[in-house]
C-alpha cells in the first residue's frame, strides 16, 4: 500500500507543482532540464552496480530508449504548459486517459484479449475526452485550451506505448537502466533547447528555476520508481485504475480548492465518465 499511495502523491504533486511554477514565474524549460539532470542522475546511481554503461549502445532497447527520451522531454514541456493554460483537472484527464493508446496497442499488436470492459471503456473515453474539454472560449485561448491537452493525450500515450513495447520485447531485468538512459537523452534535449533559448534571449537561468527543477526531478524519478515497484505488489488490473483515478481526482480537487479553477458541469460529467472508462479499460 505504501508504494501505491506514494506513487499517487508524487504524481499528483508533479501536476500541482507546475501550477505553482506559474505563480512563482519559474522558467519551465530550465526547471524541466534540471529535472532530467536529477532524474537521470538518480537512475544511473541506482543501476550503477548492475548496468554495463560501456555497452549501452549495444543494448537491444537503445533505439526505443532514445526515441522515448525525446518524447519524454517534449511531453513534459506540454504537461507544464497545459497545467498552466488549460488547468489541473483537464491536464490530468488528458494525461491519464492516454491509457487508451497503449490499450489499443495491446489489442492490435500483442493480441491481448478484447473483453467487453476494454471495448466499452475505450468508447466512453472518447466521450469523456470531448465533454471534459468543452469550454466556451474564443480565439487563441480556445486553441490553447483544446490543443495542449490533445497533444498531451497523444504524446503521453505514445510514451506509454514505447515503454510497453520495450518491456514486452527487449527489457529483461534492466528497466532502471533503460529509464535512466531515456532520462539522459531528455537531459541532452533540454540542454540543447536551453542553449538555443539563451542564444536568442541572452537570459541566464535563475536560481529559483534551478531549485524548482531539482524538486521536480526528485518527484519525477520517485513517482516512476514507486509506480514500477507498486505494480510488483499489486495486480496491474487493480493498481493502474486506482492510481490513474486518484491522480485525476486529486488534481481536479486541487485545481478547484487551491487555484480556483472552476469547471462547467459538463466538464465534471466528462471527468466522471473518464474515471469509469479507466476502470473498465482495466478489466
Foldseek 3Di string as FASTA:
>chain_A
DVLLVLLLVLVLVLLVLLQVCVVVVADQLLLQLLLLVQQLVVLCVVCVVPDDVVCLVVAPLNVLLLVLLVLVLVLSSLSSLQCNQQHQLLLLLLLLLLCLLLLVCCCPPVVDDDDPLQVVLNVLSVVLNVLLQDDPDDDPSNVSNNVSSVVNSPSNNVSVNSLVCCVVPGDDPCVSVSNSSSSVSNSVVSVVVVVVVCVVVVDDRDPVNSVSSNVSNVSVNSSVVSLVVVCVVDPCLPSSLVSSLSSSVSSVVCCCPVVVPDDDPSSVVSNVSSSSSSNSSSD
